[in-house]
Amino acid sequence: MAVTASQLKQVVSARVGGVGATTSHLLGGTNTISDDVDIAFGFTLKCRHASNSVTMRWRNESSGKNNKPTLEHTSGSDAYYGDAAGDIDTNQRIGAAGAATAIVILDAAMQEVAAIAEIVAVYYEAPVANNGKISIVSSNNGLGDIDLKSAGASALLVPRMSISTFTTVFTFATESGSPVGDVLKVIVLANST
């Protein structure tokens, strides 16, 4: 898949006024990423059981994985759209726990994502309809340790970092309600060189 243009944009703003203020003041900022990238992919995870947890290996060095990014269950079933209580609905296949059984992530053209040399940006999004908490824990701080709380949350990280054998674990947990039905969307922009 050829990437012809990329952009991730996150905006935070507020108007502040108050007693004694003669005008309202605009606070905020915009983070726009438009770096050249040759890898772009995303995936969505939908929790079907309170113990769902998935691991992403950013560079899987196991035989046959060719240093490409993979997904594997850290808890729950390894079935794909199956009937087991721990299944996760997703637009990707997820392997059983372990690097050797993890499954390479596919891009929008249904081709294996190329091996990543540099992670440019990562965007995590949990919609407002979520009731639980999604914990995102990475083995490298540049990829974040974040809790996306119930009622909607997002985070745009721009590490622009070379890759190693990093992992990121996505765990669904109870917060103001059951996480069953909660959704996490992940978008990655990267380079192969």
C-alpha atoms as a PDB file:
ATOM      1  CA  MET A   1       0.000   0.000   0.000  1.00  0.00           C
ATOM      2  CA  ALA A   2       1.363   3.421  -0.952  1.00  0.00           C
ATOM      3  CA  VAL A   3       0.807   6.319   1.450  1.00  0.00           C
ATOM      4  CA  THR A   4       0.352   9.535  -0.522  1.00  0.00           C
ATOM      5  CA  ALA A   5      -0.478  11.958   2.290  1.00  0.00           C
ATOM      6  CA  SER A   6      -0.820  11.819   6.039  1.00  0.00           C
ATOM      7  CA  GLN A   7      -2.116  14.119   8.700  1.00  0.00           C
ATOM      8  CA  LEU A   8      -3.134  13.692  12.336  1.00  0.00           C
ATOM      9  CA  LYS A   9      -4.518  16.747  14.073  1.00  0.00           C
ATOM     10  CA  GLN A  10      -5.570  17.273  17.673  1.00  0.00           C
ATOM     11  CA  VAL A  11      -6.957  20.585  18.936  1.00  0.00           C
ATOM     12  CA  VAL A  12      -7.569  21.720  22.510  1.00  0.00           C
ATOM     13  CA  SER A  13      -9.159  25.120  23.130  1.00  0.00           C
ATOM     14  CA  ALA A  14     -11.334  27.066  25.553  1.00  0.00           C
ATOM     15  CA  ARG A  15     -12.611  30.641  25.953  1.00  0.00           C
ATOM     16  CA  VAL A  16     -12.045  32.170  29.362  1.00  0.00           C
ATOM     17  CA  GLY A  17     -13.959  35.153  30.702  1.00  0.00           C
ATOM     18  CA  GLY A  18     -14.831  36.304  34.167  1.00  0.00           C
ATOM     19  CA  VAL A  19     -15.410  39.096  36.624  1.00  0.00           C
ATOM     20  CA  GLY A  20     -13.276  42.057  35.726  1.00  0.00           C
ATOM     21  CA  ALA A  21     -12.272  40.644  32.344  1.00  0.00           C
ATOM     22  CA  THR A  22     -12.759  43.122  29.544  1.00  0.00           C
ATOM     23  CA  THR A  23     -12.495  40.490  26.832  1.00  0.00           C
ATOM     24  CA  SER A  24     -12.591  36.730  26.616  1.00  0.00           C
ATOM     25  CA  HIS A  25      -9.262  35.022  26.136  1.00  0.00           C
ATOM     26  CA  LEU A  26      -8.637  32.038  23.916  1.00  0.00           C
ATOM     27  CA  LEU A  27      -6.495  29.309  25.454  1.00  0.00           C
ATOM     28  CA  GLY A  28      -5.290  26.192  23.718  1.00  0.00           C
ATOM     29  CA  GLY A  29      -3.107  24.733  21.070  1.00  0.00           C
ATOM     30  CA  THR A  30      -3.042  22.564  17.992  1.00  0.00           C
ATOM     31  CA  ASN A  31      -0.794  19.593  17.306  1.00  0.00           C
ATOM     32  CA  THR A  32      -0.710  18.766  13.596  1.00  0.00           C
ATOM     33  CA  ILE A  33       1.457  15.957  12.257  1.00  0.00           C
ATOM     34  CA  SER A  34       2.186  16.018   8.533  1.00  0.00           C
ATOM     35  CA  ASP A  35       5.532  14.180   8.414  1.00  0.00           C
ATOM     36  CA  ASP A  36       6.330  12.075   5.372  1.00  0.00           C
ATOM     37  CA  VAL A  37       5.503   8.460   6.199  1.00  0.00           C
ATOM     38  CA  ASP A  38       5.380   5.278   4.161  1.00  0.00           C
ATOM     39  CA  ILE A  39       3.421   3.144   6.660  1.00  0.00           C
ATOM     40  CA  ALA A  40      -0.086   3.931   7.881  1.00  0.00           C
ATOM     41  CA  PHE A  41      -2.429   1.492   9.589  1.00  0.00           C
ATOM     42  CA  GLY A  42      -5.103   1.303  12.209  1.00  0.00           C
ATOM     43  CA  PHE A  43      -7.174  -1.208  14.092  1.00  0.00           C
ATOM     44  CA  THR A  44     -10.181  -1.273  16.375  1.00  0.00           C
ATOM     45  CA  LEU A  45     -10.699  -3.499  19.413  1.00  0.00           C
ATOM     46  CA  LYS A  46     -14.163  -4.045  20.926  1.00  0.00           C
ATOM     47  CA  CYS A  47     -14.285  -5.694  24.350  1.00  0.00           C
ATOM     48  CA  ARG A  48     -16.528  -8.738  24.751  1.00  0.00           C
ATOM     49  CA  HIS A  49     -15.378  -9.834  28.211  1.00  0.00           C
ATOM     50  CA  ALA A  50     -14.143  -7.947  31.262  1.00  0.00           C
ATOM     51  CA  SER A  51     -10.709  -9.597  31.148  1.00  0.00           C
ATOM     52  CA  ASN A  52      -9.837  -8.725  27.529  1.00  0.00           C
ATOM     53  CA  SER A  53      -6.225  -7.745  26.985  1.00  0.00           C
ATOM     54  CA  VAL A  54      -4.241  -7.571  23.724  1.00  0.00           C
ATOM     55  CA  THR A  55      -0.494  -7.093  23.160  1.00  0.00           C
ATOM     56  CA  MET A  56       0.974  -5.327  20.151  1.00  0.00           C
ATOM     57  CA  ARG A  57       4.573  -6.153  19.317  1.00  0.00           C
ATOM     58  CA  TRP A  58       5.944  -3.231  17.328  1.00  0.00           C
ATOM     59  CA  ARG A  59       8.734  -5.393  15.893  1.00  0.00           C
ATOM     60  CA  ASN A  60       8.217  -9.126  16.171  1.00  0.00           C
ATOM     61  CA  GLU A  61      11.527 -10.910  15.661  1.00  0.00           C
ATOM     62  CA  SER A  62      10.035 -14.420  15.774  1.00  0.00           C
ATOM     63  CA  SER A  63      10.540 -16.731  12.825  1.00  0.00           C
ATOM     64  CA  GLY A  64       8.211 -15.858   9.952  1.00  0.00           C
ATOM     65  CA  LYS A  65       7.178 -12.466  11.381  1.00  0.00           C
ATOM     66  CA  ASN A  66       9.991 -10.572   9.565  1.00  0.00           C
ATOM     67  CA  ASN A  67      10.221  -7.815  12.217  1.00  0.00           C
ATOM     68  CA  LYS A  68       6.657  -6.660  11.394  1.00  0.00           C
ATOM     69  CA  PRO A  69       4.099  -5.430  13.960  1.00  0.00           C
ATOM     70  CA  THR A  70       1.807  -8.120  15.391  1.00  0.00           C
ATOM     71  CA  LEU A  71      -1.168  -8.601  17.713  1.00  0.00           C
ATOM     72  CA  GLU A  72      -1.662 -11.348  20.291  1.00  0.00           C
ATOM     73  CA  HIS A  73      -4.001 -12.047  23.199  1.00  0.00           C
ATOM     74  CA  THR A  74      -2.561 -11.534  26.667  1.00  0.00           C
ATOM     75  CA  SER A  75      -5.853 -12.804  28.097  1.00  0.00           C
ATOM     76  CA  GLY A  76      -9.046 -14.035  26.518  1.00  0.00           C
ATOM     77  CA  SER A  77      -9.512 -16.352  23.562  1.00  0.00           C
ATOM     78  CA  ASP A  78      -7.403 -16.487  20.416  1.00  0.00           C
ATOM     79  CA  ALA A  79     -10.504 -17.173  18.305  1.00  0.00           C
ATOM     80  CA  TYR A  80     -11.458 -14.630  15.650  1.00  0.00           C
ATOM     81  CA  TYR A  81     -15.093 -13.526  15.930  1.00  0.00           C
ATOM     82  CA  GLY A  82     -15.710 -16.746  17.855  1.00  0.00           C
ATOM     83  CA  ASP A  83     -18.106 -17.538  20.644  1.00  0.00           C
ATOM     84  CA  ALA A  84     -15.675 -17.809  23.566  1.00  0.00           C
ATOM     85  CA  ALA A  85     -16.347 -15.391  26.418  1.00  0.00           C
ATOM     86  CA  GLY A  86     -12.948 -13.720  26.066  1.00  0.00           C
ATOM     87  CA  ASP A  87     -13.132 -12.923  22.359  1.00  0.00           C
ATOM     88  CA  ILE A  88     -12.547  -9.404  21.103  1.00  0.00           C
ATOM     89  CA  ASP A  89     -14.323  -8.040  18.041  1.00  0.00           C
ATOM     90  CA  THR A  90     -11.733  -6.470  15.775  1.00  0.00           C
ATOM     91  CA  ASN A  91     -10.867  -5.648  12.189  1.00  0.00           C
ATOM     92  CA  GLN A  92      -7.589  -7.589  12.608  1.00  0.00           C
ATOM     93  CA  ARG A  93      -6.705 -11.161  13.455  1.00  0.00           C
ATOM     94  CA  ILE A  94      -5.232 -11.661  16.908  1.00  0.00           C
ATOM     95  CA  GLY A  95      -2.987 -14.620  17.671  1.00  0.00           C
ATOM     96  CA  ALA A  96      -2.653 -16.640  20.851  1.00  0.00           C
ATOM     97  CA  ALA A  97      -0.313 -15.297  23.542  1.00  0.00           C
ATOM     98  CA  GLY A  98       3.355 -15.358  22.575  1.00  0.00           C
ATOM     99  CA  ALA A  99       5.543 -13.870  19.854  1.00  0.00           C
ATOM    100  CA  ALA A 100       5.586 -17.057  17.779  1.00  0.00           C
ATOM    101  CA  THR A 101       1.779 -17.251  17.528  1.00  0.00           C
ATOM    102  CA  ALA A 102       1.087 -13.518  17.148  1.00  0.00           C
ATOM    103  CA  ILE A 103      -0.429 -12.453  13.828  1.00  0.00           C
ATOM    104  CA  VAL A 104       1.015  -9.718  11.585  1.00  0.00           C
ATOM    105  CA  ILE A 105      -1.184  -6.600  11.326  1.00  0.00           C
ATOM    106  CA  LEU A 106      -2.767  -5.876   7.939  1.00  0.00           C
ATOM    107  CA  ASP A 107      -3.068  -2.447   6.310  1.00  0.00           C
ATOM    108  CA  ALA A 108      -6.147  -1.020   4.579  1.00  0.00           C
ATOM    109  CA  ALA A 109      -5.236  -2.906   1.374  1.00  0.00           C
ATOM    110  CA  MET A 110      -5.274  -6.189   3.385  1.00  0.00           C
ATOM    111  CA  GLN A 111      -1.496  -6.580   2.987  1.00  0.00           C
ATOM    112  CA  GLU A 112       0.914  -7.209   5.855  1.00  0.00           C
ATOM    113  CA  VAL A 113       2.221  -3.966   7.329  1.00  0.00           C
ATOM    114  CA  ALA A 114       5.903  -3.492   6.509  1.00  0.00           C
ATOM    115  CA  ALA A 115       8.572  -3.710   9.182  1.00  0.00           C
ATOM    116  CA  ILE A 116       8.696  -0.390  11.041  1.00  0.00           C
ATOM    117  CA  ALA A 117      12.005   1.470  11.429  1.00  0.00           C
ATOM    118  CA  GLU A 118      10.594   4.700  12.925  1.00  0.00           C
ATOM    119  CA  ILE A 119       7.316   5.367  14.753  1.00  0.00           C
ATOM    120  CA  VAL A 120       6.190   8.884  13.831  1.00  0.00           C
ATOM    121  CA  ALA A 121       2.807   9.165  15.550  1.00  0.00           C
ATOM    122  CA  VAL A 122       0.308   7.026  17.445  1.00  0.00           C
ATOM    123  CA  TYR A 123      -3.298   8.019  18.127  1.00  0.00           C
ATOM    124  CA  TYR A 124      -5.495   6.268  20.696  1.00  0.00           C
ATOM    125  CA  GLU A 125      -9.239   6.935  20.853  1.00  0.00           C
ATOM    126  CA  ALA A 126     -11.986   5.639  23.159  1.00  0.00           C
ATOM    127  CA  PRO A 127     -15.493   6.881  22.285  1.00  0.00           C
ATOM    128  CA  VAL A 128     -17.896   8.648  24.644  1.00  0.00           C
ATOM    129  CA  ALA A 129     -20.128   5.559  24.821  1.00  0.00           C
ATOM    130  CA  ASN A 130     -17.435   3.572  26.705  1.00  0.00           C
ATOM    131  CA  ASN A 131     -18.251   2.624  30.324  1.00  0.00           C
ATOM    132  CA  GLY A 132     -14.961   1.062  31.410  1.00  0.00           C
ATOM    133  CA  LYS A 133     -11.334   2.093  31.437  1.00  0.00           C
ATOM    134  CA  ILE A 134      -8.774   1.103  28.800  1.00  0.00           C
ATOM    135  CA  SER A 135      -5.216   0.937  30.126  1.00  0.00           C
ATOM    136  CA  ILE A 136      -2.441   1.300  27.574  1.00  0.00           C
ATOM    137  CA  VAL A 137       0.951   0.244  28.930  1.00  0.00           C
ATOM    138  CA  SER A 138       4.062   0.318  26.749  1.00  0.00           C
ATOM    139  CA  SER A 139       7.524  -1.061  27.344  1.00  0.00           C
ATOM    140  CA  ASN A 140       8.909   2.285  26.076  1.00  0.00           C
ATOM    141  CA  ASN A 141       7.746   5.588  27.588  1.00  0.00           C
ATOM    142  CA  GLY A 142       7.688   7.240  24.151  1.00  0.00           C
ATOM    143  CA  LEU A 143       4.654   5.089  23.338  1.00  0.00           C
ATOM    144  CA  GLY A 144       2.844   6.014  26.509  1.00  0.00           C
ATOM    145  CA  ASP A 145       1.357   4.572  29.668  1.00  0.00           C
ATOM    146  CA  ILE A 146      -2.175   5.960  29.531  1.00  0.00           C
ATOM    147  CA  ASP A 147      -5.592   5.244  31.040  1.00  0.00           C
ATOM    148  CA  LEU A 148      -8.435   6.206  28.711  1.00  0.00           C
ATOM    149  CA  LYS A 149     -11.278   6.697  31.182  1.00  0.00           C
ATOM    150  CA  SER A 150     -14.993   6.072  30.650  1.00  0.00           C
ATOM    151  CA  ALA A 151     -17.121   8.614  28.773  1.00  0.00           C
ATOM    152  CA  GLY A 152     -14.540   9.189  26.025  1.00  0.00           C
ATOM    153  CA  ALA A 153     -10.845   9.949  25.840  1.00  0.00           C
ATOM    154  CA  SER A 154      -8.031  10.225  23.308  1.00  0.00           C
ATOM    155  CA  ALA A 155      -4.294  10.751  23.117  1.00  0.00           C
ATOM    156  CA  LEU A 156      -1.989  11.733  20.268  1.00  0.00           C
ATOM    157  CA  LEU A 157       1.641  10.760  20.840  1.00  0.00           C
ATOM    158  CA  VAL A 158       4.385  11.932  18.492  1.00  0.00           C
ATOM    159  CA  PRO A 159       7.498  10.012  19.526  1.00  0.00           C
ATOM    160  CA  ARG A 160       9.361  10.175  16.161  1.00  0.00           C
ATOM    161  CA  MET A 161      11.541   7.371  17.484  1.00  0.00           C
ATOM    162  CA  SER A 162      13.506   4.465  16.120  1.00  0.00           C
ATOM    163  CA  ILE A 163      11.981   1.114  16.850  1.00  0.00           C
ATOM    164  CA  SER A 164      13.131  -1.831  18.864  1.00  0.00           C
ATOM    165  CA  THR A 165      11.279  -4.819  20.288  1.00  0.00           C
ATOM    166  CA  PHE A 166       8.748  -2.624  22.094  1.00  0.00           C
ATOM    167  CA  THR A 167       5.356  -3.910  23.214  1.00  0.00           C
ATOM    168  CA  THR A 168       2.136  -2.119  24.065  1.00  0.00           C
ATOM    169  CA  VAL A 169      -0.615  -3.854  26.063  1.00  0.00           C
ATOM    170  CA  PHE A 170      -4.259  -2.747  25.755  1.00  0.00           C
ATOM    171  CA  THR A 171      -6.371  -3.865  28.756  1.00  0.00           C
ATOM    172  CA  PHE A 172     -10.122  -3.323  29.190  1.00  0.00           C
ATOM    173  CA  ALA A 173     -11.251  -2.903  32.813  1.00  0.00           C
ATOM    174  CA  THR A 174     -14.319  -1.896  34.840  1.00  0.00           C
ATOM    175  CA  GLU A 175     -14.606   1.753  35.852  1.00  0.00           C
ATOM    176  CA  SER A 176     -18.046   3.389  36.004  1.00  0.00           C
ATOM    177  CA  GLY A 177     -19.506   0.275  34.412  1.00  0.00           C
ATOM    178  CA  SER A 178     -18.639  -2.937  32.613  1.00  0.00           C
ATOM    179  CA  PRO A 179     -16.100  -2.634  29.778  1.00  0.00           C
ATOM    180  CA  VAL A 180     -18.059  -5.112  27.638  1.00  0.00           C
ATOM    181  CA  GLY A 181     -18.856  -3.263  24.415  1.00  0.00           C
ATOM    182  CA  ASP A 182     -16.119  -0.652  24.939  1.00  0.00           C
ATOM    183  CA  VAL A 183     -14.068   0.263  21.875  1.00  0.00           C
ATOM    184  CA  LEU A 184     -10.451   1.319  21.349  1.00  0.00           C
ATOM    185  CA  LYS A 185      -9.244   2.730  18.036  1.00  0.00           C
ATOM    186  CA  VAL A 186      -5.497   2.831  17.300  1.00  0.00           C
ATOM    187  CA  ILE A 187      -3.903   4.673  14.353  1.00  0.00           C
ATOM    188  CA  VAL A 188      -0.189   4.477  13.574  1.00  0.00           C
ATOM    189  CA  LEU A 189       1.964   6.545  11.190  1.00  0.00           C
ATOM    190  CA  ALA A 190       5.476   5.208  10.663  1.00  0.00           C
ATOM    191  CA  ASN A 191       8.409   4.773   8.297  1.00  0.00           C
ATOM    192  CA  SER A 192      10.109   1.647   7.027  1.00  0.00           C
ATOM    193  CA  THR A 193      13.524   3.353   6.770  1.00  0.00           C
END
